[in-house]
């Protein structure tokens, strides 16, 4: 459905570590790819507010948290678990493979 932008991985290689320790800068770079309109006209959006990730697909909505203690210290894993949790909460299935994400809407 979408590819993780190359610029997101460059955020991880920054000389100064992210002060949040959960990869807020990485999450912001990756969340941009989730803003799109599907072929059936439903809007897909994903936003971050604090440690909360909110994924919306049409009328479905789910939330996940960036949890460093459970899924860290790699910020990539923290982000992926949070977005997958938000997708599950919305009744969707999200998988990451080879730098891309796939969303199963169950429709």
Foldseek 3Di string as FASTA:
>chain_A
DWFQDPVLVVLCVDPDDDPVLLRPVSLVSRQVRQADADPVGWTWHWDDDPQKIWIDTRPFIFIFGQDCVVQDSPNVRSNVVGVQRGQVRRVWGWDDDPRTIDIGNVD
